[in-house]
Protein backbone atom coordinates (compact mmCIF):
# COMPACT_ATOMS: atom_id res chain seq x y z
CA MET A 1 -15.81 9.95 -6.09
CA SER A 2 -16.82 12.15 -3.16
CA ASP A 3 -14.75 14.94 -1.65
CA ASP A 4 -13.92 12.58 1.23
CA ILE A 5 -11.19 11.09 -0.98
CA LEU A 6 -8.98 13.36 -3.06
CA VAL A 7 -6.75 12.07 -5.85
CA SER A 8 -4.03 13.99 -7.67
CA VAL A 9 -1.15 13.06 -9.95
CA LYS A 10 1.93 15.23 -10.39
CA ASP A 11 5.29 14.34 -11.92
CA GLY A 12 4.60 10.64 -11.73
CA VAL A 13 3.47 10.69 -8.07
CA ALA A 14 -0.17 9.94 -7.29
CA THR A 15 -1.43 11.24 -3.96
CA VAL A 16 -4.59 9.79 -2.45
CA THR A 17 -5.81 11.85 0.49
CA LEU A 18 -8.40 10.82 3.07
CA ASN A 19 -10.30 14.06 3.53
CA ARG A 20 -12.44 14.00 6.68
CA PRO A 21 -10.24 16.03 9.01
CA LYS A 22 -13.03 16.71 11.55
CA LYS A 23 -13.37 12.92 11.98
CA ARG A 24 -9.60 12.32 11.95
CA ASN A 25 -10.23 10.79 8.52
CA ALA A 26 -12.29 7.91 9.88
CA VAL A 27 -13.39 5.82 6.89
CA HIS A 28 -17.08 5.24 6.16
CA LEU A 29 -18.44 2.54 3.87
CA GLN A 30 -18.49 4.64 0.70
CA MET A 31 -14.90 5.71 1.39
CA TRP A 32 -13.79 2.08 1.57
CA ARG A 33 -15.35 1.58 -1.83
CA GLY A 34 -13.84 4.82 -3.06
CA LEU A 35 -10.37 3.76 -1.97
CA GLU A 36 -10.66 0.54 -3.92
CA ALA A 37 -11.83 2.42 -7.02
CA ALA A 38 -9.09 5.05 -6.68
CA PHE A 39 -6.24 2.55 -6.56
CA LEU A 40 -7.68 0.37 -9.31
CA ASP A 41 -8.00 3.44 -11.54
CA LEU A 42 -4.48 4.66 -10.73
CA ALA A 43 -3.10 1.23 -11.57
CA LYS A 44 -4.25 1.85 -15.15
CA ASP A 45 -2.66 5.31 -15.37
CA THR A 46 0.58 4.94 -17.32
CA THR A 47 1.87 8.31 -16.04
CA VAL A 48 1.97 7.08 -12.43
CA ARG A 49 5.21 5.72 -10.96
CA VAL A 50 4.49 5.87 -7.21
CA ALA A 51 1.35 6.25 -5.06
CA ILE A 52 1.19 8.01 -1.68
CA LEU A 53 -1.69 7.50 0.75
CA THR A 54 -2.11 10.28 3.30
CA GLY A 55 -4.70 12.07 5.41
CA ALA A 56 -5.85 15.69 5.66
CA GLY A 57 -5.72 17.88 8.75
CA GLY A 58 -2.74 16.39 10.55
CA ASN A 59 -3.98 12.81 10.94
CA PHE A 60 -3.59 9.79 8.71
CA CYS A 61 -6.68 7.78 9.64
CA ALA A 62 -8.47 6.97 12.90
CA GLY A 63 -9.86 3.74 11.45
CA ALA A 64 -13.38 2.82 10.49
CA ASP A 65 -16.17 5.28 11.24
CA ILE A 66 -18.00 3.36 13.97
CA SER A 67 -20.76 5.98 14.14
CA GLU A 68 -22.34 4.42 11.04
CA PHE A 69 -22.17 0.81 12.26
CA ALA A 70 -25.76 0.78 13.49
CA ASP A 71 -26.85 1.39 9.90
CA VAL A 72 -24.25 -0.38 7.76
CA ARG A 73 -23.46 -3.35 10.06
CA SER A 74 -26.85 -3.95 11.60
CA ASP A 75 -27.04 -7.68 10.81
CA ALA A 76 -24.92 -10.54 9.53
CA GLU A 77 -25.55 -9.81 5.86
CA SER A 78 -24.76 -6.10 6.06
CA GLY A 79 -21.73 -6.95 8.16
CA ARG A 80 -20.52 -9.30 5.43
CA ILE A 81 -20.99 -6.61 2.79
CA TYR A 82 -19.08 -4.12 4.93
CA GLU A 83 -16.17 -6.51 5.49
CA GLU A 84 -15.98 -7.24 1.78
CA ALA A 85 -15.67 -3.52 1.08
CA THR A 86 -12.91 -3.00 3.64
CA GLU A 87 -10.94 -5.99 2.41
CA ALA A 88 -11.34 -4.98 -1.23
CA ALA A 89 -9.89 -1.55 -0.45
CA THR A 90 -6.97 -3.04 1.47
CA ILE A 91 -6.22 -5.54 -1.27
CA ALA A 92 -6.34 -2.84 -3.96
CA ILE A 93 -3.63 -0.96 -2.05
CA ARG A 94 -1.60 -4.06 -1.19
CA ASP A 95 -1.67 -5.31 -4.79
CA PHE A 96 -1.11 -1.92 -6.45
CA PRO A 97 1.45 -2.70 -9.17
CA LEU A 98 3.84 0.14 -8.29
CA PRO A 99 5.47 1.31 -5.03
CA THR A 100 3.08 2.66 -2.40
CA ILE A 101 3.95 4.90 0.54
CA ALA A 102 1.78 5.75 3.55
CA ALA A 103 2.46 9.21 5.01
CA VAL A 104 1.39 8.68 8.62
CA SER A 105 1.06 11.93 10.55
CA GLY A 106 -0.96 11.89 13.76
CA TYR A 107 -3.22 8.92 14.31
CA GLY A 108 -2.98 5.81 12.15
CA VAL A 109 -4.92 3.34 14.27
CA GLY A 110 -7.27 0.41 13.82
CA GLY A 111 -8.36 0.23 10.20
CA GLY A 112 -6.07 3.20 9.54
CA CYS A 113 -3.12 1.16 10.72
CA GLY A 114 -4.26 -1.58 8.36
CA LEU A 115 -4.31 0.82 5.42
CA ALA A 116 -0.78 1.96 6.24
CA LEU A 117 0.41 -1.64 6.54
CA ALA A 118 -1.02 -2.40 3.10
CA CYS A 119 1.50 0.06 1.64
CA ASP A 120 5.06 -0.93 0.75
CA PHE A 121 6.56 1.85 2.88
CA ARG A 122 5.36 3.91 5.83
CA VAL A 123 6.82 7.29 6.75
CA GLY A 124 6.06 8.95 10.08
CA ASP A 125 6.92 12.17 11.88
CA PRO A 126 7.01 13.35 15.53
CA SER A 127 3.20 13.34 15.73
CA THR A 128 2.77 9.71 14.61
CA ARG A 129 0.66 7.44 16.80
CA MET A 130 -0.10 3.93 15.57
CA GLY A 131 -1.79 0.90 17.03
CA ILE A 132 -4.68 -1.54 16.84
CA PRO A 133 -7.20 -1.12 19.71
CA ALA A 134 -9.28 -4.16 18.76
CA ALA A 135 -8.61 -5.88 22.10
CA ARG A 136 -10.04 -2.88 23.95
CA LEU A 137 -13.18 -2.81 21.80
CA SER A 138 -14.07 -6.51 22.08
CA ILE A 139 -13.58 -7.09 18.37
CA VAL A 140 -11.21 -9.28 16.37
CA TYR A 141 -8.88 -7.77 13.79
CA SER A 142 -9.30 -9.30 10.33
CA ALA A 143 -7.07 -12.12 9.12
CA LEU A 144 -5.99 -9.96 6.19
CA ASP A 145 -4.85 -7.08 8.39
CA CYS A 146 -3.23 -9.46 10.89
CA GLY A 147 -1.22 -10.88 8.00
CA LEU A 148 -0.10 -7.42 6.95
CA LEU A 149 0.89 -6.63 10.52
CA TYR A 150 2.91 -9.83 10.79
CA ARG A 151 4.62 -9.10 7.48
CA ALA A 152 5.73 -5.69 8.74
CA VAL A 153 6.77 -6.32 12.33
CA GLY A 154 7.21 -10.07 12.85
CA LEU A 155 5.36 -12.44 15.13
CA ALA A 156 6.46 -11.19 18.56
CA GLN A 157 5.76 -7.51 17.85
CA ALA A 158 2.48 -8.37 16.10
CA LYS A 159 1.34 -10.10 19.28
CA ARG A 160 2.37 -7.06 21.30
CA VAL A 161 0.38 -4.71 19.07
CA LEU A 162 -2.72 -6.92 19.08
CA PHE A 163 -2.71 -8.03 22.72
CA SER A 164 -1.98 -4.61 24.21
CA GLY A 165 -4.39 -2.58 22.08
CA ARG A 166 -2.27 0.47 22.82
CA HIS A 167 -0.99 3.37 20.74
CA PHE A 168 2.73 3.54 19.99
CA VAL A 169 4.67 6.78 19.54
CA VAL A 170 6.94 7.42 16.59
CA ASP A 171 10.17 6.05 18.06
CA GLN A 172 8.40 2.86 19.11
CA CYS A 173 6.77 2.54 15.70
CA LEU A 174 10.15 2.92 14.04
CA GLY A 175 11.78 0.40 16.34
CA MET A 176 9.21 -2.34 15.78
CA GLY A 177 8.70 -1.72 12.05
CA LEU A 178 5.26 -0.12 11.99
CA ILE A 179 6.99 2.70 10.09
CA ASP A 180 10.15 2.49 8.00
CA SER A 181 11.40 6.04 8.47
CA ALA A 182 10.50 9.26 10.28
CA HIS A 183 10.73 12.74 8.81
CA GLU A 184 11.82 15.41 11.27
CA GLN A 185 8.78 17.59 10.54
CA ASP A 186 6.11 16.15 8.25
CA ALA A 187 5.36 12.61 7.08
CA LEU A 188 4.03 13.73 3.70
CA ALA A 189 7.23 15.66 3.00
CA GLY A 190 9.18 12.53 3.88
CA ALA A 191 6.96 10.41 1.64
CA LEU A 192 7.50 12.78 -1.28
CA GLU A 193 11.26 12.60 -0.74
CA LEU A 194 11.12 8.82 -0.80
CA ALA A 195 8.90 8.84 -3.89
CA GLY A 196 11.52 11.00 -5.59
CA GLU A 197 13.95 8.10 -5.35
CA PHE A 198 11.62 5.93 -7.44
CA VAL A 199 9.93 8.09 -10.07
CA ALA A 200 12.90 8.39 -12.43
CA ASN A 201 13.33 4.62 -12.67
CA ALA A 202 11.97 2.40 -15.44
CA PRO A 203 8.27 1.73 -14.79
CA LEU A 204 8.50 -1.82 -16.07
CA SER A 205 11.25 -2.54 -13.54
CA LEU A 206 9.16 -1.04 -10.74
CA ARG A 207 6.14 -3.12 -11.71
CA GLY A 208 8.18 -6.26 -12.24
CA SER A 209 9.92 -5.94 -8.87
CA LYS A 210 6.60 -5.41 -7.08
CA ILE A 211 4.96 -8.39 -8.73
CA GLY A 212 8.01 -10.61 -8.41
CA ARG A 213 8.40 -10.00 -4.69
CA ALA A 214 4.68 -10.54 -4.04
CA PHE A 215 4.77 -13.80 -5.96
CA LEU A 216 7.80 -15.02 -4.06
CA ARG A 217 6.17 -14.22 -0.71
CA SER A 218 3.03 -16.13 -1.66
CA SER A 219 4.95 -19.18 -2.88
CA ILE A 220 7.15 -20.01 0.08
CA ARG A 221 6.01 -23.63 0.06
CA LEU A 222 7.41 -24.17 -3.44
CA SER A 223 11.01 -24.97 -4.11
CA ARG A 224 13.20 -21.91 -4.65
CA ALA A 225 14.02 -22.79 -8.24
CA SER A 226 10.39 -23.42 -9.17
CA THR A 227 9.22 -20.26 -7.41
CA ILE A 228 11.71 -17.98 -9.13
CA LYS A 229 10.93 -19.49 -12.52
CA LYS A 230 7.23 -18.83 -12.02
CA ALA A 231 7.87 -15.36 -10.64
CA ARG A 232 9.93 -14.47 -13.68
CA ARG A 233 7.24 -15.65 -16.08
CA HIS A 234 4.45 -13.96 -14.08
CA SER A 235 6.34 -10.67 -13.90
CA TRP A 236 6.81 -10.57 -17.65
CA LYS A 237 3.16 -11.28 -18.32
CA SER A 238 1.78 -8.76 -15.81
CA ALA A 239 4.26 -5.93 -15.40
CA SER A 240 3.20 -3.75 -18.31
CA PRO A 241 -0.16 -2.56 -19.64
CA TYR A 242 1.27 -3.16 -23.09
CA SER A 243 2.17 -6.51 -24.56
CA LEU A 244 5.76 -7.24 -23.72
CA ASP A 245 7.03 -7.58 -27.22
CA ALA A 246 9.70 -5.23 -28.50
CA GLU A 247 7.26 -2.58 -29.66
CA GLY A 248 5.22 -2.66 -26.45
CA TYR A 249 8.31 -2.36 -24.31
CA ARG A 250 9.56 0.57 -26.37
CA LYS A 251 6.24 2.39 -25.94
CA TRP A 252 6.16 1.69 -22.20
CA LEU A 253 9.61 3.14 -21.58
CA GLY A 254 9.41 5.81 -24.26
CA LEU A 255 12.58 4.50 -25.87
CA GLU A 256 13.76 4.29 -29.41
CA TRP A 257 14.49 0.69 -30.32
CA THR A 258 18.26 0.53 -29.92
CA SER A 259 20.83 -1.97 -28.73
CA ALA A 260 20.75 -0.17 -25.37
CA ALA A 261 17.04 -0.89 -25.12
CA ARG A 262 17.67 -4.54 -25.94
CA LEU A 263 20.28 -4.65 -23.19
CA ARG A 264 17.82 -3.12 -20.73
CA ILE A 265 15.24 -5.76 -21.58
CA TRP A 266 17.81 -8.48 -21.00
CA CYS A 267 18.76 -7.00 -17.63
CA CYS A 268 15.11 -6.86 -16.54
CA SER A 269 14.43 -10.41 -17.70
CA THR A 270 17.30 -11.82 -15.68
CA ALA A 271 16.96 -9.67 -12.55
CA VAL A 272 14.34 -11.85 -10.88
CA ARG A 273 16.76 -14.79 -10.89
CA GLU A 274 18.97 -12.83 -8.54
CA VAL A 275 16.32 -12.10 -5.88
């Protein structure tokens, strides 16, 4: 992976940093591919409990690097390849099996806004500016990113963001749901504080909750009883990198096999029914 994407893991918190500060962290094609690889690799790291996506130099991400479009999107085929790379990166973040937090200082616009929306939580600060200028550039925002926008802010505010093409300041972002919270000084500091609320919790519970909620969202056309039953079964099969027998669960949580551990398994297995 190039120096344009930096990855570190400390005390259960993975930090992925877009590192092109002179370009306001605009993402080029190889960075889209690098983002996908980074999150897929971190998903396999059993020491990770939370992932933070941030940007270097005071900005989150100014979107795609349009200066390379003449080379990497010069015809229909190259355009298709480019779109596949951007969507693969977004999906890798959206489907990351543990909580994800975007630390949005400065600009988080266009494709950068999409990356933030792919995360479970978004933390801003007084410098935050977010928006989707597609309408001003005569382009159409992708269906995937439109869906993420709708999920975060609702239909009316999604239309406002898309139709206006404007940038929204931190208080406006907070009010409409583009960010979930605002730190008084620095978004990354706020993201680390939020991550601290999660890292001490059982990793299987974190993974199971993430998978269960995603499954429920994608199954709204099914009956509630059928959906929850499937979500419960899917969570158990997918939540842990180990097989979910007694020994695998003990290894995953680092527990001795005691009655307390059995109780914890029972609590996790029944929790999805209460969503």
